[in-house]
């Protein structure tokens, strides 16, 4: 017996099941496919995050050099220039 014949027989058998069993089988398949998709999504996400973290570690911080500025000399105020 080949695969097509077995698949057709299984589908005919499923069509004869009561609606409650059909719903259980359908939701079981949906849950299994959802878990498989979540597993692969998680695996890809972890890979991308590790790639981002390794690239972030290779980035060097920018070093900014500020020029040394001397403080201006303070000129003492004379009595005539003082504000009262």
N, C-alpha and C. Protein backbone atom coordinates (compact mmCIF):
# COMPACT_ATOMS: atom_id res chain seq x y z
N UNK A 1 0.84 -1.18 0.00
CA UNK A 1 0.00 0.00 0.00
C UNK A 1 0.89 1.25 0.00
N UNK A 2 0.58 2.19 -0.86
CA UNK A 2 1.38 3.42 -0.91
C UNK A 2 0.78 4.48 0.02
N UNK A 3 1.47 5.58 0.09
CA UNK A 3 1.09 6.65 1.02
C UNK A 3 -0.27 7.26 0.67
N UNK A 4 -0.54 7.45 -0.62
CA UNK A 4 -1.81 8.08 -1.02
C UNK A 4 -3.00 7.23 -0.60
N UNK A 5 -2.88 5.94 -0.76
CA UNK A 5 -3.98 5.05 -0.40
C UNK A 5 -4.21 5.07 1.11
N UNK A 6 -3.14 5.04 1.87
CA UNK A 6 -3.27 5.08 3.33
C UNK A 6 -3.87 6.41 3.78
N UNK A 7 -3.45 7.51 3.15
CA UNK A 7 -3.97 8.82 3.52
C UNK A 7 -5.45 8.91 3.21
N UNK A 8 -5.88 8.40 2.07
CA UNK A 8 -7.30 8.43 1.71
C UNK A 8 -8.13 7.60 2.70
N UNK A 9 -7.63 6.43 3.06
CA UNK A 9 -8.34 5.59 4.02
C UNK A 9 -8.47 6.27 5.38
N UNK A 10 -7.40 6.95 5.79
CA UNK A 10 -7.42 7.65 7.07
C UNK A 10 -8.41 8.81 7.04
N UNK A 11 -8.45 9.54 5.92
CA UNK A 11 -9.41 10.65 5.80
C UNK A 11 -10.85 10.16 5.83
N UNK A 12 -11.11 9.04 5.17
CA UNK A 12 -12.46 8.47 5.20
C UNK A 12 -12.82 8.06 6.63
N UNK A 13 -11.85 7.49 7.33
CA UNK A 13 -12.07 7.09 8.72
C UNK A 13 -12.35 8.32 9.60
N UNK A 14 -11.60 9.41 9.35
CA UNK A 14 -11.83 10.65 10.11
C UNK A 14 -13.21 11.24 9.84
N UNK A 15 -13.67 11.14 8.61
CA UNK A 15 -14.98 11.69 8.27
C UNK A 15 -16.11 10.98 9.00
N UNK A 16 -15.89 9.74 9.38
CA UNK A 16 -16.92 8.98 10.08
C UNK A 16 -16.91 9.19 11.59
N UNK A 17 -15.90 9.91 12.11
CA UNK A 17 -15.84 10.19 13.55
C UNK A 17 -16.93 11.18 13.92
N UNK A 18 -17.37 11.14 15.20
CA UNK A 18 -18.33 12.16 15.67
C UNK A 18 -17.64 13.54 15.71
N UNK A 19 -18.47 14.59 15.69
CA UNK A 19 -17.94 15.96 15.65
C UNK A 19 -17.03 16.26 16.84
N UNK A 20 -17.34 15.74 18.02
CA UNK A 20 -16.52 16.00 19.21
C UNK A 20 -15.10 15.47 19.00
N UNK A 21 -14.97 14.28 18.47
CA UNK A 21 -13.64 13.71 18.22
C UNK A 21 -12.90 14.48 17.13
N UNK A 22 -13.62 14.95 16.13
CA UNK A 22 -12.99 15.74 15.06
C UNK A 22 -12.40 17.03 15.63
N UNK A 23 -13.15 17.67 16.54
CA UNK A 23 -12.66 18.91 17.16
C UNK A 23 -11.43 18.64 18.02
N UNK A 24 -11.44 17.55 18.75
CA UNK A 24 -10.28 17.21 19.59
C UNK A 24 -9.06 16.97 18.71
N UNK A 25 -9.21 16.23 17.64
CA UNK A 25 -8.09 15.96 16.73
C UNK A 25 -7.60 17.26 16.10
N UNK A 26 -8.52 18.12 15.66
CA UNK A 26 -8.15 19.39 15.05
C UNK A 26 -7.35 20.27 16.01
N UNK A 27 -7.85 20.42 17.24
CA UNK A 27 -7.16 21.28 18.21
C UNK A 27 -5.83 20.68 18.66
N UNK A 28 -5.76 19.35 18.69
CA UNK A 28 -4.47 18.71 19.00
C UNK A 28 -3.44 19.04 17.93
N UNK A 29 -3.85 18.96 16.67
CA UNK A 29 -2.95 19.29 15.56
C UNK A 29 -2.54 20.76 15.62
N UNK A 30 -3.50 21.64 15.90
CA UNK A 30 -3.20 23.08 15.98
C UNK A 30 -2.20 23.36 17.11
N UNK A 31 -2.39 22.75 18.26
CA UNK A 31 -1.49 22.96 19.40
C UNK A 31 -0.09 22.43 19.07
N UNK A 32 -0.01 21.26 18.47
CA UNK A 32 1.30 20.68 18.12
C UNK A 32 2.02 21.58 17.12
N UNK A 33 1.32 22.04 16.09
CA UNK A 33 1.94 22.94 15.11
C UNK A 33 2.35 24.26 15.75
N UNK A 34 1.54 24.77 16.67
CA UNK A 34 1.89 26.00 17.39
C UNK A 34 3.15 25.84 18.22
N UNK A 35 3.28 24.71 18.89
CA UNK A 35 4.48 24.44 19.70
C UNK A 35 5.72 24.31 18.82
N UNK A 36 5.57 23.66 17.69
CA UNK A 36 6.70 23.53 16.76
C UNK A 36 7.12 24.90 16.25
N UNK A 37 6.15 25.72 15.87
CA UNK A 37 6.47 27.07 15.38
C UNK A 37 7.11 27.91 16.47
N UNK A 38 6.62 27.80 17.69
CA UNK A 38 7.19 28.56 18.81
C UNK A 38 8.63 28.12 19.08
N UNK A 39 8.89 26.83 18.98
CA UNK A 39 10.24 26.32 19.19
C UNK A 39 11.20 26.91 18.17
N UNK A 40 10.83 26.89 16.89
CA UNK A 40 11.72 27.42 15.86
C UNK A 40 11.86 28.93 15.97
N UNK A 41 10.78 29.63 16.33
CA UNK A 41 10.87 31.08 16.51
C UNK A 41 11.83 31.41 17.65
N UNK A 42 11.72 30.67 18.75
CA UNK A 42 12.60 30.89 19.90
C UNK A 42 14.06 30.63 19.53
N UNK A 43 14.28 29.55 18.78
CA UNK A 43 15.63 29.20 18.37
C UNK A 43 16.24 30.30 17.49
N UNK A 44 15.46 30.83 16.55
CA UNK A 44 15.95 31.91 15.68
C UNK A 44 16.17 33.18 16.49
N UNK A 45 15.26 33.49 17.40
CA UNK A 45 15.39 34.71 18.21
C UNK A 45 16.64 34.66 19.09
N UNK A 46 16.92 33.52 19.68
CA UNK A 46 18.12 33.39 20.51
C UNK A 46 19.37 33.56 19.66
N UNK A 47 19.37 32.99 18.48
CA UNK A 47 20.51 33.14 17.57
C UNK A 47 20.75 34.58 17.18
N UNK A 48 19.67 35.29 16.88
CA UNK A 48 19.81 36.70 16.49
C UNK A 48 20.27 37.55 17.67
N UNK A 49 19.75 37.28 18.86
CA UNK A 49 20.16 38.06 20.03
C UNK A 49 21.63 37.82 20.37
N UNK A 50 22.10 36.60 20.23
CA UNK A 50 23.50 36.34 20.51
C UNK A 50 24.39 37.01 19.47
N UNK A 51 23.91 37.07 18.23
CA UNK A 51 24.67 37.75 17.18
C UNK A 51 24.74 39.25 17.47
N UNK A 52 23.63 39.82 17.91
CA UNK A 52 23.61 41.24 18.25
C UNK A 52 24.53 41.53 19.43
N UNK A 53 24.52 40.66 20.44
CA UNK A 53 25.37 40.91 21.61
C UNK A 53 26.85 40.78 21.26
N UNK A 54 27.19 39.85 20.37
CA UNK A 54 28.60 39.73 19.99
C UNK A 54 29.04 40.93 19.16
N UNK A 55 28.15 41.45 18.32
CA UNK A 55 28.49 42.65 17.55
C UNK A 55 28.57 43.88 18.45
N UNK A 56 27.73 43.94 19.46
CA UNK A 56 27.74 45.08 20.37
C UNK A 56 29.03 45.10 21.19
N UNK A 57 29.56 43.94 21.52
CA UNK A 57 30.80 43.89 22.29
C UNK A 57 31.99 44.34 21.44
N UNK A 58 31.89 44.20 20.13
CA UNK A 58 33.01 44.58 19.28
C UNK A 58 33.04 46.09 19.00
N UNK A 59 31.97 46.78 19.33
CA UNK A 59 31.94 48.23 19.12
C UNK A 59 32.76 48.91 20.21
N UNK A 60 33.65 49.78 19.79
CA UNK A 60 34.49 50.49 20.75
C UNK A 60 33.82 51.82 21.10
N UNK A 61 33.99 52.20 22.35
CA UNK A 61 33.43 53.48 22.80
C UNK A 61 34.18 54.63 22.14
N UNK A 62 33.46 55.68 21.85
CA UNK A 62 34.06 56.86 21.26
C UNK A 62 34.74 57.66 22.37
N UNK A 63 35.97 58.03 22.13
CA UNK A 63 36.70 58.82 23.12
C UNK A 63 36.74 60.26 22.63
N UNK A 64 36.22 61.16 23.42
CA UNK A 64 36.20 62.57 23.07
C UNK A 64 37.24 63.28 23.91
N UNK A 65 38.11 63.99 23.25
CA UNK A 65 39.14 64.74 23.96
C UNK A 65 38.73 66.20 24.00
N UNK A 66 38.73 66.73 25.20
CA UNK A 66 38.40 68.14 25.38
C UNK A 66 39.71 68.93 25.53
N UNK A 67 39.80 70.09 24.90
CA UNK A 67 41.02 70.89 25.04
C UNK A 67 41.12 71.46 26.45
N UNK A 68 42.35 71.62 26.91
CA UNK A 68 42.58 72.19 28.22
C UNK A 68 42.50 73.71 28.10
N UNK A 69 41.57 74.28 28.81
CA UNK A 69 41.37 75.73 28.78
C UNK A 69 41.76 76.29 30.13
N UNK A 70 42.59 77.30 30.08
CA UNK A 70 43.00 77.92 31.34
C UNK A 70 41.93 78.89 31.79
N UNK A 71 41.78 79.00 33.09
CA UNK A 71 40.80 79.92 33.65
C UNK A 71 41.29 81.35 33.44
N UNK A 72 40.38 82.25 33.07
CA UNK A 72 40.81 83.63 32.85
C UNK A 72 41.24 84.28 34.18
N UNK A 73 42.16 85.20 34.06
CA UNK A 73 42.59 85.93 35.26
C UNK A 73 41.46 86.83 35.73
N UNK A 74 41.25 86.84 37.03
CA UNK A 74 40.18 87.67 37.59
C UNK A 74 40.79 89.03 37.93
N UNK A 75 40.16 90.03 37.37
CA UNK A 75 40.62 91.39 37.62
C UNK A 75 39.84 91.94 38.82
N UNK A 76 40.55 92.35 39.87
CA UNK A 76 39.81 92.87 41.04
C UNK A 76 39.12 94.18 40.70
N UNK A 77 37.90 94.30 41.17
CA UNK A 77 37.15 95.54 40.91
C UNK A 77 37.64 96.65 41.80
N UNK A 78 37.73 97.84 41.25
CA UNK A 78 38.14 99.00 42.05
C UNK A 78 36.90 99.61 42.68
N UNK A 79 37.09 100.48 43.59
CA UNK A 79 35.98 101.11 44.30
C UNK A 79 35.04 101.86 43.39
N UNK A 80 35.56 102.46 42.32
CA UNK A 80 34.68 103.26 41.45
C UNK A 80 33.85 102.36 40.55
N UNK A 81 34.29 101.13 40.33
CA UNK A 81 33.55 100.26 39.46
C UNK A 81 32.55 99.38 40.21
N UNK A 82 32.57 99.40 41.52
CA UNK A 82 31.67 98.56 42.31
C UNK A 82 30.25 99.10 42.24
N UNK A 83 29.33 98.24 42.16
CA UNK A 83 27.92 98.62 42.13
C UNK A 83 27.39 98.61 43.55
N UNK A 84 26.67 99.64 43.86
CA UNK A 84 26.12 99.75 45.21
C UNK A 84 24.69 99.32 45.23
